[in-house]
Amino acid sequence: MSNESEQDKELDVLRAVKMVITNVIKDTSTEPGMKHPLSDSTINDIRQCLLLITTREHELSPYDKRPHFTDEPQDKVVVSLATPPKEK
């Protein structure tokens, strides 16, 4: 299996897990002032998991696959750091 294919599969898994976690959050949300069914510790753990998932998604997503503004410059500028040879 190629490295790109493995990364795509990992991204798919991360997105699926993130979707399930966010659905749990939506399903357990309560009205303001009511006690939440999840403990504060569990809520904090969920936040940490979502942070880890998002961080890993950003690491795996190549920059060119991310959305860009239409007026954002797309061209890359390559600058040579070597000094040119002296002419005789």
Foldseek 3Di string as FASTA:
>chain_A
DDPLVVLVVVLVVLVVVLVVLVVVVVVQDDDPPDDGPDDPVVVVVSVVSNVVSVVSNVVSDDPVPDDDDPPDDPDDDDDDPDDDDDDD
